[in-house]
Amino acid sequence: MKKLFKFAGIGAIAYVALFCVYFFDLDGKFFFYIYEPFFKNHYDNMARRDMTQMPYDMDKYPAYKYDEV
């Protein structure tokens, strides 16, 4: 019986914690304020080829390979 109450208590605490995450939109705030700026900064600084500078031939297709940086 003691184990049942312990599992019920742990379940209730987990339920309250998950409800707080949902109610205050903590996961959305985490992604907006922490996750997205970090990855946005990372991907904005990646080296990319300028596809507008490549010569265009009707019968040849460009090789979409990136140079090793």
PDB file of N, CA and C in Angstrom:
ATOM      1  N   MET A   1       0.831  -1.197   0.000  1.00  0.00           N
ATOM      2  CA  MET A   1       0.000   0.000   0.000  1.00  0.00           C
ATOM      3  C   MET A   1       0.874   1.259   0.000  1.00  0.00           C
ATOM      4  N   LYS A   2       2.023   1.151   0.687  1.00  0.00           N
ATOM      5  CA  LYS A   2       2.927   2.289   0.766  1.00  0.00           C
ATOM      6  C   LYS A   2       3.481   2.641  -0.618  1.00  0.00           C
ATOM      7  N   LYS A   3       3.798   1.596  -1.390  1.00  0.00           N
ATOM      8  CA  LYS A   3       4.323   1.819  -2.744  1.00  0.00           C
ATOM      9  C   LYS A   3       3.267   2.464  -3.637  1.00  0.00           C
ATOM     10  N   LEU A   4       2.033   2.070  -3.470  1.00  0.00           N
ATOM     11  CA  LEU A   4       0.949   2.642  -4.268  1.00  0.00           C
ATOM     12  C   LEU A   4       0.812   4.139  -4.021  1.00  0.00           C
ATOM     13  N   PHE A   5       0.884   4.534  -2.740  1.00  0.00           N
ATOM     14  CA  PHE A   5       0.815   5.963  -2.415  1.00  0.00           C
ATOM     15  C   PHE A   5       2.042   6.716  -2.922  1.00  0.00           C
ATOM     16  N   LYS A   6       3.205   6.060  -2.894  1.00  0.00           N
ATOM     17  CA  LYS A   6       4.421   6.684  -3.395  1.00  0.00           C
ATOM     18  C   LYS A   6       4.309   6.926  -4.913  1.00  0.00           C
ATOM     19  N   PHE A   7       3.823   5.910  -5.652  1.00  0.00           N
ATOM     20  CA  PHE A   7       3.637   6.069  -7.100  1.00  0.00           C
ATOM     21  C   PHE A   7       2.568   7.110  -7.414  1.00  0.00           C
ATOM     22  N   ALA A   8       1.516   7.145  -6.612  1.00  0.00           N
ATOM     23  CA  ALA A   8       0.464   8.145  -6.812  1.00  0.00           C
ATOM     24  C   ALA A   8       1.008   9.548  -6.550  1.00  0.00           C
ATOM     25  N   GLY A   9       1.834   9.693  -5.529  1.00  0.00           N
ATOM     26  CA  GLY A   9       2.439  11.000  -5.228  1.00  0.00           C
ATOM     27  C   GLY A   9       3.384  11.450  -6.329  1.00  0.00           C
ATOM     28  N   ILE A  10       4.214  10.531  -6.817  1.00  0.00           N
ATOM     29  CA  ILE A  10       5.124  10.862  -7.921  1.00  0.00           C
ATOM     30  C   ILE A  10       4.327  11.222  -9.171  1.00  0.00           C
ATOM     31  N   GLY A  11       3.263  10.475  -9.430  1.00  0.00           N
ATOM     32  CA  GLY A  11       2.411  10.775 -10.581  1.00  0.00           C
ATOM     33  C   GLY A  11       1.737  12.133 -10.448  1.00  0.00           C
ATOM     34  N   ALA A  12       1.299  12.468  -9.257  1.00  0.00           N
ATOM     35  CA  ALA A  12       0.648  13.761  -9.036  1.00  0.00           C
ATOM     36  C   ALA A  12       1.643  14.906  -9.225  1.00  0.00           C
ATOM     37  N   ILE A  13       2.864  14.720  -8.722  1.00  0.00           N
ATOM     38  CA  ILE A  13       3.888  15.758  -8.900  1.00  0.00           C
ATOM     39  C   ILE A  13       4.223  15.927 -10.379  1.00  0.00           C
ATOM     40  N   ALA A  14       4.354  14.805 -11.090  1.00  0.00           N
ATOM     41  CA  ALA A  14       4.639  14.871 -12.533  1.00  0.00           C
ATOM     42  C   ALA A  14       3.489  15.548 -13.277  1.00  0.00           C
ATOM     43  N   TYR A  15       2.259  15.247 -12.894  1.00  0.00           N
ATOM     44  CA  TYR A  15       1.088  15.858 -13.526  1.00  0.00           C
ATOM     45  C   TYR A  15       1.082  17.375 -13.306  1.00  0.00           C
ATOM     46  N   VAL A  16       1.354  17.804 -12.088  1.00  0.00           N
ATOM     47  CA  VAL A  16       1.379  19.239 -11.777  1.00  0.00           C
ATOM     48  C   VAL A  16       2.505  19.922 -12.540  1.00  0.00           C
ATOM     49  N   ALA A  17       3.672  19.281 -12.607  1.00  0.00           N
ATOM     50  CA  ALA A  17       4.794  19.868 -13.335  1.00  0.00           C
ATOM     51  C   ALA A  17       4.468  20.003 -14.824  1.00  0.00           C
ATOM     52  N   LEU A  18       3.902  18.969 -15.422  1.00  0.00           N
ATOM     53  CA  LEU A  18       3.551  19.026 -16.841  1.00  0.00           C
ATOM     54  C   LEU A  18       2.425  20.026 -17.100  1.00  0.00           C
ATOM     55  N   PHE A  19       1.497  20.142 -16.155  1.00  0.00           N
ATOM     56  CA  PHE A  19       0.438  21.129 -16.308  1.00  0.00           C
ATOM     57  C   PHE A  19       1.024  22.540 -16.274  1.00  0.00           C
ATOM     58  N   CYS A  20       1.992  22.782 -15.388  1.00  0.00           N
ATOM     59  CA  CYS A  20       2.632  24.107 -15.332  1.00  0.00           C
ATOM     60  C   CYS A  20       3.370  24.407 -16.629  1.00  0.00           C
ATOM     61  N   VAL A  21       4.034  23.409 -17.204  1.00  0.00           N
ATOM     62  CA  VAL A  21       4.706  23.599 -18.494  1.00  0.00           C
ATOM     63  C   VAL A  21       3.678  23.968 -19.554  1.00  0.00           C
ATOM     64  N   TYR A  22       2.548  23.283 -19.573  1.00  0.00           N
ATOM     65  CA  TYR A  22       1.499  23.567 -20.549  1.00  0.00           C
ATOM     66  C   TYR A  22       0.850  24.927 -20.297  1.00  0.00           C
ATOM     67  N   PHE A  23       0.483  25.206 -19.054  1.00  0.00           N
ATOM     68  CA  PHE A  23      -0.272  26.414 -18.734  1.00  0.00           C
ATOM     69  C   PHE A  23       0.540  27.679 -18.983  1.00  0.00           C
ATOM     70  N   PHE A  24       1.801  27.673 -18.604  1.00  0.00           N
ATOM     71  CA  PHE A  24       2.648  28.854 -18.778  1.00  0.00           C
ATOM     72  C   PHE A  24       3.436  28.824 -20.084  1.00  0.00           C
ATOM     73  N   ASP A  25       3.194  27.836 -20.937  1.00  0.00           N
ATOM     74  CA  ASP A  25       3.838  27.686 -22.241  1.00  0.00           C
ATOM     75  C   ASP A  25       5.358  27.724 -22.102  1.00  0.00           C
ATOM     76  N   LEU A  26       5.871  26.983 -21.140  1.00  0.00           N
ATOM     77  CA  LEU A  26       7.305  27.008 -20.858  1.00  0.00           C
ATOM     78  C   LEU A  26       8.119  26.390 -21.981  1.00  0.00           C
ATOM     79  N   ASP A  27       7.561  25.382 -22.674  1.00  0.00           N
ATOM     80  CA  ASP A  27       8.299  24.794 -23.780  1.00  0.00           C
ATOM     81  C   ASP A  27       8.401  25.776 -24.942  1.00  0.00           C
ATOM     82  N   GLY A  28       7.344  26.518 -25.217  1.00  0.00           N
ATOM     83  CA  GLY A  28       7.388  27.521 -26.279  1.00  0.00           C
ATOM     84  C   GLY A  28       8.348  28.646 -25.947  1.00  0.00           C
ATOM     85  N   LYS A  29       8.360  29.063 -24.689  1.00  0.00           N
ATOM     86  CA  LYS A  29       9.293  30.115 -24.273  1.00  0.00           C
ATOM     87  C   LYS A  29      10.736  29.634 -24.362  1.00  0.00           C
ATOM     88  N   PHE A  30      10.967  28.382 -24.023  1.00  0.00           N
ATOM     89  CA  PHE A  30      12.309  27.817 -24.137  1.00  0.00           C
ATOM     90  C   PHE A  30      12.757  27.839 -25.595  1.00  0.00           C
ATOM     91  N   PHE A  31      11.902  27.373 -26.501  1.00  0.00           N
ATOM     92  CA  PHE A  31      12.281  27.351 -27.910  1.00  0.00           C
ATOM     93  C   PHE A  31      12.452  28.756 -28.469  1.00  0.00           C
ATOM     94  N   PHE A  32      11.629  29.695 -28.040  1.00  0.00           N
ATOM     95  CA  PHE A  32      11.689  31.057 -28.581  1.00  0.00           C
ATOM     96  C   PHE A  32      12.886  31.833 -28.053  1.00  0.00           C
ATOM     97  N   TYR A  33      13.179  31.727 -26.762  1.00  0.00           N
ATOM     98  CA  TYR A  33      14.217  32.563 -26.160  1.00  0.00           C
ATOM     99  C   TYR A  33      15.600  31.905 -26.107  1.00  0.00           C
ATOM    100  N   ILE A  34      15.675  30.583 -26.107  1.00  0.00           N
ATOM    101  CA  ILE A  34      16.966  29.911 -25.937  1.00  0.00           C
ATOM    102  C   ILE A  34      17.342  29.103 -27.173  1.00  0.00           C
ATOM    103  N   TYR A  35      16.488  28.184 -27.571  1.00  0.00           N
ATOM    104  CA  TYR A  35      16.821  27.252 -28.647  1.00  0.00           C
ATOM    105  C   TYR A  35      16.925  27.945 -30.000  1.00  0.00           C
ATOM    106  N   GLU A  36      15.913  28.721 -30.377  1.00  0.00           N
ATOM    107  CA  GLU A  36      15.893  29.346 -31.704  1.00  0.00           C
ATOM    108  C   GLU A  36      17.014  30.364 -31.906  1.00  0.00           C
ATOM    109  N   PRO A  37      17.290  31.285 -30.982  1.00  0.00           N
ATOM    110  CA  PRO A  37      18.400  32.224 -31.227  1.00  0.00           C
ATOM    111  C   PRO A  37      19.747  31.528 -31.376  1.00  0.00           C
ATOM    112  N   PHE A  38      19.960  30.467 -30.600  1.00  0.00           N
ATOM    113  CA  PHE A  38      21.223  29.743 -30.700  1.00  0.00           C
ATOM    114  C   PHE A  38      21.378  29.120 -32.089  1.00  0.00           C
ATOM    115  N   PHE A  39      20.354  28.417 -32.563  1.00  0.00           N
ATOM    116  CA  PHE A  39      20.456  27.757 -33.849  1.00  0.00           C
ATOM    117  C   PHE A  39      20.329  28.732 -35.006  1.00  0.00           C
ATOM    118  N   LYS A  40      19.592  29.802 -34.820  1.00  0.00           N
ATOM    119  CA  LYS A  40      19.510  30.821 -35.862  1.00  0.00           C
ATOM    120  C   LYS A  40      20.880  31.454 -36.069  1.00  0.00           C
ATOM    121  N   ASN A  41      21.566  31.759 -34.996  1.00  0.00           N
ATOM    122  CA  ASN A  41      22.909  32.308 -35.077  1.00  0.00           C
ATOM    123  C   ASN A  41      23.852  31.307 -35.731  1.00  0.00           C
ATOM    124  N   HIS A  42      23.698  30.035 -35.396  1.00  0.00           N
ATOM    125  CA  HIS A  42      24.555  29.001 -35.962  1.00  0.00           C
ATOM    126  C   HIS A  42      24.341  28.865 -37.466  1.00  0.00           C
ATOM    127  N   TYR A  43      23.092  28.765 -37.904  1.00  0.00           N
ATOM    128  CA  TYR A  43      22.817  28.533 -39.316  1.00  0.00           C
ATOM    129  C   TYR A  43      22.970  29.801 -40.152  1.00  0.00           C
ATOM    130  N   ASP A  44      22.829  30.973 -39.570  1.00  0.00           N
ATOM    131  CA  ASP A  44      23.056  32.207 -40.328  1.00  0.00           C
ATOM    132  C   ASP A  44      24.526  32.409 -40.641  1.00  0.00           C
ATOM    133  N   ASN A  45      25.411  31.854 -39.836  1.00  0.00           N
ATOM    134  CA  ASN A  45      26.844  32.020 -40.035  1.00  0.00           C
ATOM    135  C   ASN A  45      27.472  30.903 -40.860  1.00  0.00           C
ATOM    136  N   MET A  46      26.664  30.005 -41.400  1.00  0.00           N
ATOM    137  CA  MET A  46      27.207  28.918 -42.216  1.00  0.00           C
ATOM    138  C   MET A  46      27.687  29.459 -43.560  1.00  0.00           C
ATOM    139  N   ALA A  47      28.743  28.862 -44.076  1.00  0.00           N
ATOM    140  CA  ALA A  47      29.240  29.242 -45.399  1.00  0.00           C
ATOM    141  C   ALA A  47      28.334  28.627 -46.462  1.00  0.00           C
ATOM    142  N   ARG A  48      27.888  29.464 -47.384  1.00  0.00           N
ATOM    143  CA  ARG A  48      27.029  28.997 -48.462  1.00  0.00           C
ATOM    144  C   ARG A  48      27.546  29.536 -49.790  1.00  0.00           C
ATOM    145  N   ARG A  49      27.316  28.775 -50.837  1.00  0.00           N
ATOM    146  CA  ARG A  49      27.701  29.222 -52.163  1.00  0.00           C
ATOM    147  C   ARG A  49      26.646  30.189 -52.682  1.00  0.00           C
ATOM    148  N   ASP A  50      27.108  31.186 -53.421  1.00  0.00           N
ATOM    149  CA  ASP A  50      26.188  32.128 -54.041  1.00  0.00           C
ATOM    150  C   ASP A  50      25.780  31.554 -55.396  1.00  0.00           C
ATOM    151  N   MET A  51      24.579  31.040 -55.468  1.00  0.00           N
ATOM    152  CA  MET A  51      24.121  30.376 -56.694  1.00  0.00           C
ATOM    153  C   MET A  51      23.894  31.364 -57.830  1.00  0.00           C
ATOM    154  N   THR A  52      23.789  32.647 -57.527  1.00  0.00           N
ATOM    155  CA  THR A  52      23.587  33.629 -58.599  1.00  0.00           C
ATOM    156  C   THR A  52      24.884  33.941 -59.335  1.00  0.00           C
ATOM    157  N   GLN A  53      26.027  33.560 -58.784  1.00  0.00           N
ATOM    158  CA  GLN A  53      27.310  33.826 -59.415  1.00  0.00           C
ATOM    159  C   GLN A  53      27.777  32.682 -60.316  1.00  0.00           C
ATOM    160  N   MET A  54      27.035  31.580 -60.345  1.00  0.00           N
ATOM    161  CA  MET A  54      27.441  30.435 -61.152  1.00  0.00           C
ATOM    162  C   MET A  54      27.034  30.640 -62.600  1.00  0.00           C
ATOM    163  N   PRO A  55      27.875  30.224 -63.543  1.00  0.00           N
ATOM    164  CA  PRO A  55      27.486  30.329 -64.948  1.00  0.00           C
ATOM    165  C   PRO A  55      26.319  29.387 -65.249  1.00  0.00           C
ATOM    166  N   TYR A  56      25.453  29.836 -66.130  1.00  0.00           N
ATOM    167  CA  TYR A  56      24.245  29.070 -66.444  1.00  0.00           C
ATOM    168  C   TYR A  56      24.330  28.571 -67.874  1.00  0.00           C
ATOM    169  N   ASP A  57      24.262  27.270 -68.040  1.00  0.00           N
ATOM    170  CA  ASP A  57      24.202  26.656 -69.360  1.00  0.00           C
ATOM    171  C   ASP A  57      22.924  25.846 -69.426  1.00  0.00           C
ATOM    172  N   MET A  58      22.264  25.883 -70.578  1.00  0.00           N
ATOM    173  CA  MET A  58      20.972  25.209 -70.713  1.00  0.00           C
ATOM    174  C   MET A  58      21.103  23.686 -70.626  1.00  0.00           C
ATOM    175  N   ASP A  59      22.208  23.149 -71.113  1.00  0.00           N
ATOM    176  CA  ASP A  59      22.337  21.694 -71.160  1.00  0.00           C
ATOM    177  C   ASP A  59      23.177  21.119 -70.025  1.00  0.00           C
ATOM    178  N   LYS A  60      23.687  21.960 -69.150  1.00  0.00           N
ATOM    179  CA  LYS A  60      24.515  21.491 -68.039  1.00  0.00           C
ATOM    180  C   LYS A  60      23.859  21.897 -66.726  1.00  0.00           C
ATOM    181  N   TYR A  61      23.960  21.017 -65.778  1.00  0.00           N
ATOM    182  CA  TYR A  61      23.393  21.298 -64.461  1.00  0.00           C
ATOM    183  C   TYR A  61      24.528  21.571 -63.481  1.00  0.00           C
ATOM    184  N   PRO A  62      24.346  22.504 -62.556  1.00  0.00           N
ATOM    185  CA  PRO A  62      25.430  22.815 -61.609  1.00  0.00           C
ATOM    186  C   PRO A  62      25.612  21.683 -60.601  1.00  0.00           C
ATOM    187  N   ALA A  63      26.812  21.566 -60.115  1.00  0.00           N
ATOM    188  CA  ALA A  63      27.106  20.593 -59.062  1.00  0.00           C
ATOM    189  C   ALA A  63      26.847  21.277 -57.724  1.00  0.00           C
ATOM    190  N   TYR A  64      25.890  20.781 -56.995  1.00  0.00           N
ATOM    191  CA  TYR A  64      25.517  21.386 -55.722  1.00  0.00           C
ATOM    192  C   TYR A  64      26.359  20.796 -54.600  1.00  0.00           C
ATOM    193  N   LYS A  65      27.643  21.058 -54.640  1.00  0.00           N
ATOM    194  CA  LYS A  65      28.546  20.589 -53.599  1.00  0.00           C
ATOM    195  C   LYS A  65      29.156  21.795 -52.911  1.00  0.00           C
ATOM    196  N   TYR A  66      29.316  21.695 -51.619  1.00  0.00           N
ATOM    197  CA  TYR A  66      29.897  22.781 -50.842  1.00  0.00           C
ATOM    198  C   TYR A  66      31.376  22.512 -50.637  1.00  0.00           C
ATOM    199  N   ASP A  67      32.158  23.560 -50.671  1.00  0.00           N
ATOM    200  CA  ASP A  67      33.579  23.435 -50.404  1.00  0.00           C
ATOM    201  C   ASP A  67      33.780  23.225 -48.917  1.00  0.00           C
ATOM    202  N   GLU A  68      34.795  22.444 -48.595  1.00  0.00           N
ATOM    203  CA  GLU A  68      35.117  22.237 -47.183  1.00  0.00           C
ATOM    204  C   GLU A  68      35.710  23.502 -46.625  1.00  0.00           C
ATOM    205  N   VAL A  69      35.197  23.925 -45.487  1.00  0.00           N
ATOM    206  CA  VAL A  69      35.671  25.169 -44.878  1.00  0.00           C
ATOM    207  C   VAL A  69      36.676  24.853 -43.810  1.00  0.00           C
TER     208      VAL A  69
END
